[in-house]
Amino acid sequence: MVADGLEIIGAGMGRTGTESLRKALMILGYDPCHHMYALREDAALVPPWHAIAHGGAPDWDQLFQGFRAQVDWPGAAYWRELTAHFPHAKVVLSLRDADGWYNSLASTILPFIDAKGRHAPPHRNQIAELTEALFDRIFDGRVRDADHAKSVFIAHNEAVTAAIPTDRLLVYPVGSGWGPLCDFVSRPIPDQPFPSGNTARQFQERVARNLMPE
């Protein structure tokens, strides 16, 4: 159990290199790191997030009990609440260009949502439902309107940079590698390549493997 709660808060939206960032943070000692992967791998974590996405009251300490860091959705959707609740945590804003971000979202997470009810592991259908509810809130029910979604994405990134003091925030574009991240958390650069993972193709193949036949 982590005595003082989260040490790193990832404010970047999903599909901004969050899986690579998760792996990197764990290599640097921030292990375990909360990510949508954590919900995928542990069905017990899903119901509380499902309730929050549908308007339930969160218990942040309970939700992140045992985790040293958080990146990706669903946590990133609540970056304001998390940065207030864990005031000593550093904040990493993972970024990519808006067009690339939306193209990735549209080819991965949106089809995953569309397949709800057909995912073989039952709890992944609940993940699809909570993600849909989360997106309805974040994108005003218009996530499939590309121009609107991209404007929300840009506004989100601007809001984070405006709200978080520069000494607490790392703005971290995809491809930045070890240097800026290690400087930010005061860790030596590991003697290994910066991790990668969860490409759009990998995401699509993983979902396809777990779909029940129609």
Protein backbone atom coordinates (compact mmCIF):
# COMPACT_ATOMS: atom_id res chain seq x y z
CA MET A 1 0.00 0.00 0.00
CA VAL A 2 1.24 3.47 -0.88
CA ALA A 3 1.22 5.59 2.25
CA ASP A 4 0.95 9.01 0.63
CA GLY A 5 -1.10 8.20 -2.46
CA LEU A 6 -0.21 8.89 -6.06
CA GLU A 7 3.23 10.32 -6.80
CA ILE A 8 2.65 10.83 -10.55
CA ILE A 9 -0.61 11.93 -12.19
CA GLY A 10 -0.94 11.52 -15.94
CA ALA A 11 -3.24 14.24 -17.27
CA GLY A 12 -2.90 13.31 -20.95
CA MET A 13 -5.87 11.77 -22.72
CA GLY A 14 -5.72 8.18 -23.88
CA ARG A 15 -4.01 7.55 -27.25
CA THR A 16 -1.18 9.97 -26.42
CA GLY A 17 1.45 7.33 -25.76
CA THR A 18 0.09 6.50 -22.32
CA GLU A 19 1.03 2.81 -22.47
CA SER A 20 4.65 3.63 -23.28
CA LEU A 21 4.59 6.19 -20.48
CA ARG A 22 3.12 3.62 -18.09
CA LYS A 23 5.92 1.16 -18.88
CA ALA A 24 8.54 3.90 -18.54
CA LEU A 25 7.25 5.02 -15.16
CA MET A 26 7.27 1.46 -13.88
CA ILE A 27 10.87 1.01 -15.04
CA LEU A 28 11.70 4.19 -13.09
CA GLY A 29 10.18 2.71 -9.94
CA TYR A 30 6.60 4.00 -10.08
CA ASP A 31 5.15 0.52 -10.01
CA PRO A 32 2.31 -0.27 -10.16
CA CYS A 33 0.96 2.39 -12.47
CA HIS A 34 -2.80 2.73 -12.96
CA HIS A 35 -3.95 2.67 -16.59
CA MET A 36 -6.99 1.34 -18.42
CA TYR A 37 -4.85 -1.80 -18.68
CA ALA A 38 -5.23 -2.20 -14.92
CA LEU A 39 -9.01 -2.42 -15.32
CA ARG A 40 -8.65 -4.81 -18.23
CA GLU A 41 -6.42 -7.09 -16.17
CA ASP A 42 -8.33 -6.91 -12.86
CA ALA A 43 -12.11 -7.11 -13.10
CA ALA A 44 -12.48 -6.05 -9.46
CA LEU A 45 -11.28 -2.54 -10.37
CA VAL A 46 -14.03 -1.97 -12.93
CA PRO A 47 -17.29 -1.56 -10.92
CA PRO A 48 -16.16 1.52 -8.93
CA TRP A 49 -15.07 3.29 -12.12
CA HIS A 50 -18.28 2.23 -13.86
CA ALA A 51 -20.24 3.84 -11.02
CA ILE A 52 -18.18 7.06 -11.16
CA ALA A 53 -18.61 7.35 -14.93
CA HIS A 54 -22.36 7.18 -14.34
CA GLY A 55 -22.34 9.89 -11.67
CA GLY A 56 -21.22 8.05 -8.54
CA ALA A 57 -19.09 9.70 -5.86
CA PRO A 58 -15.40 8.71 -6.03
CA ASP A 59 -13.16 7.64 -3.17
CA TRP A 60 -9.81 8.56 -4.70
CA ASP A 61 -7.72 6.97 -1.95
CA GLN A 62 -9.53 3.68 -2.34
CA LEU A 63 -9.50 3.76 -6.14
CA PHE A 64 -5.74 4.25 -6.26
CA GLN A 65 -4.81 2.20 -3.21
CA GLY A 66 -1.52 0.48 -3.91
CA PHE A 67 -0.74 2.50 -7.04
CA ARG A 68 2.20 4.88 -7.21
CA ALA A 69 1.25 6.50 -10.52
CA GLN A 70 -1.71 6.96 -12.85
CA VAL A 71 -1.87 7.57 -16.59
CA ASP A 72 -4.53 7.19 -19.29
CA TRP A 73 -8.29 7.09 -18.93
CA PRO A 74 -10.28 6.82 -16.78
CA GLY A 75 -8.06 8.69 -14.32
CA ALA A 76 -6.99 11.38 -16.79
CA ALA A 77 -10.61 12.51 -17.11
CA TYR A 78 -10.44 13.58 -13.45
CA TRP A 79 -7.07 15.31 -13.49
CA ARG A 80 -8.41 18.41 -11.70
CA GLU A 81 -9.80 16.36 -8.85
CA LEU A 82 -6.71 14.16 -8.62
CA THR A 83 -4.20 17.01 -8.65
CA ALA A 84 -6.16 18.66 -5.82
CA HIS A 85 -6.54 15.44 -3.83
CA PHE A 86 -2.87 14.45 -4.21
CA PRO A 87 -1.21 17.88 -3.96
CA HIS A 88 2.34 16.53 -3.79
CA ALA A 89 2.05 14.45 -6.96
CA LYS A 90 3.91 15.55 -10.07
CA VAL A 91 1.84 15.88 -13.26
CA VAL A 92 2.75 14.59 -16.72
CA LEU A 93 0.77 15.83 -19.72
CA SER A 94 1.38 13.41 -22.58
CA LEU A 95 0.68 14.99 -25.96
CA ARG A 96 0.41 14.33 -29.67
CA ASP A 97 -1.02 16.32 -32.57
CA ALA A 98 -4.80 16.53 -32.60
CA ASP A 99 -5.28 14.88 -36.00
CA GLY A 100 -3.09 11.91 -35.11
CA TRP A 101 -4.79 11.61 -31.74
CA TYR A 102 -8.29 11.55 -33.21
CA ASN A 103 -7.38 9.14 -35.98
CA SER A 104 -5.99 6.76 -33.35
CA LEU A 105 -9.04 7.16 -31.12
CA ALA A 106 -11.43 6.55 -34.01
CA SER A 107 -9.64 3.37 -35.07
CA THR A 108 -9.28 1.85 -31.61
CA ILE A 109 -11.41 2.98 -28.69
CA LEU A 110 -14.54 3.89 -30.64
CA PRO A 111 -14.77 0.42 -32.26
CA PHE A 112 -14.13 -1.08 -28.82
CA ILE A 113 -17.14 0.84 -27.50
CA ASP A 114 -19.24 -0.19 -30.49
CA ALA A 115 -18.54 -3.84 -29.68
CA LYS A 116 -19.91 -3.63 -26.12
CA GLY A 117 -21.89 -6.74 -25.33
CA ARG A 118 -19.66 -8.83 -27.58
CA HIS A 119 -16.40 -8.82 -25.61
CA ALA A 120 -15.75 -12.32 -24.35
CA PRO A 121 -14.40 -11.36 -20.90
CA PRO A 122 -17.62 -9.94 -19.34
CA HIS A 123 -15.93 -7.13 -17.43
CA ARG A 124 -14.60 -5.68 -20.69
CA ASN A 125 -18.17 -4.96 -21.74
CA GLN A 126 -18.47 -2.94 -18.54
CA ILE A 127 -15.24 -1.14 -19.49
CA ALA A 128 -16.79 -0.30 -22.85
CA GLU A 129 -19.89 1.04 -21.09
CA LEU A 130 -17.93 3.18 -18.64
CA THR A 131 -15.75 4.52 -21.46
CA GLU A 132 -18.82 5.47 -23.45
CA ALA A 133 -20.29 7.28 -20.43
CA LEU A 134 -16.96 9.01 -19.81
CA PHE A 135 -16.75 10.15 -23.43
CA ASP A 136 -20.33 11.45 -23.34
CA ARG A 137 -19.26 13.73 -20.48
CA ILE A 138 -15.87 14.75 -21.85
CA PHE A 139 -16.96 15.31 -25.45
CA ASP A 140 -20.53 16.51 -24.82
CA GLY A 141 -21.91 13.40 -26.48
CA ARG A 142 -20.13 14.32 -29.73
CA VAL A 143 -16.98 12.19 -29.74
CA ARG A 144 -17.77 11.04 -33.31
CA ASP A 145 -17.73 14.64 -34.53
CA ALA A 146 -14.03 14.81 -35.33
CA ASP A 147 -13.72 18.60 -35.35
CA HIS A 148 -15.56 18.92 -32.04
CA ALA A 149 -13.56 16.13 -30.38
CA LYS A 150 -10.27 17.64 -31.52
CA SER A 151 -11.29 21.04 -30.16
CA VAL A 152 -12.04 19.40 -26.79
CA PHE A 153 -8.68 17.64 -26.88
CA ILE A 154 -6.85 20.91 -27.53
CA ALA A 155 -8.83 22.73 -24.83
CA HIS A 156 -8.07 19.93 -22.36
CA ASN A 157 -4.33 20.27 -22.93
CA GLU A 158 -4.51 24.04 -22.65
CA ALA A 159 -6.47 23.78 -19.40
CA VAL A 160 -3.87 21.49 -17.84
CA THR A 161 -0.98 23.77 -18.77
CA ALA A 162 -2.87 26.80 -17.46
CA ALA A 163 -3.85 25.19 -14.16
CA ILE A 164 -0.71 23.32 -13.08
CA PRO A 165 2.38 25.29 -12.01
CA THR A 166 5.35 24.76 -14.29
CA ASP A 167 7.50 23.31 -11.50
CA ARG A 168 4.90 20.58 -11.00
CA LEU A 169 4.15 19.86 -14.67
CA LEU A 170 5.97 18.05 -17.46
CA VAL A 171 4.53 18.66 -20.92
CA TYR A 172 5.57 15.48 -22.65
CA PRO A 173 5.02 15.04 -26.41
CA VAL A 174 5.09 11.52 -27.81
CA GLY A 175 8.64 10.59 -28.77
CA SER A 176 10.36 12.69 -26.10
CA GLY A 177 12.17 9.66 -24.68
CA TRP A 178 13.88 9.23 -21.35
CA GLY A 179 15.62 12.58 -20.94
CA PRO A 180 12.80 14.97 -20.00
CA LEU A 181 10.97 12.35 -17.95
CA CYS A 182 14.03 11.32 -15.95
CA ASP A 183 14.98 14.94 -15.33
CA PHE A 184 11.45 15.64 -14.12
CA VAL A 185 11.36 12.80 -11.59
CA SER A 186 15.07 13.01 -10.70
CA ARG A 187 15.92 9.49 -11.83
CA PRO A 188 18.95 8.35 -13.87
CA ILE A 189 18.29 7.36 -17.46
CA PRO A 190 17.88 3.56 -17.61
CA ASP A 191 20.28 1.52 -19.69
CA GLN A 192 17.54 0.32 -22.03
CA PRO A 193 15.48 1.72 -24.89
CA PHE A 194 12.41 3.75 -24.09
CA PRO A 195 9.45 1.32 -24.12
CA SER A 196 6.72 1.21 -26.72
CA GLY A 197 3.41 -0.57 -27.02
CA ASN A 198 -0.33 -0.45 -27.65
CA THR A 199 -0.13 0.73 -31.23
CA ALA A 200 -3.42 1.04 -33.07
CA ARG A 201 -2.80 -2.29 -34.79
CA GLN A 202 -1.97 -4.03 -31.51
CA PHE A 203 -5.12 -2.58 -29.95
CA GLN A 204 -7.27 -3.74 -32.86
CA GLU A 205 -5.78 -7.24 -32.88
CA ARG A 206 -6.27 -7.60 -29.15
CA VAL A 207 -9.92 -6.59 -29.34
CA ALA A 208 -10.54 -8.89 -32.32
CA ARG A 209 -9.13 -11.86 -30.39
CA ASN A 210 -11.59 -11.26 -27.57
CA LEU A 211 -14.79 -10.68 -29.54
CA MET A 212 -17.51 -13.30 -29.42
CA PRO A 213 -18.75 -14.42 -32.85
CA GLU A 214 -21.87 -12.68 -34.11
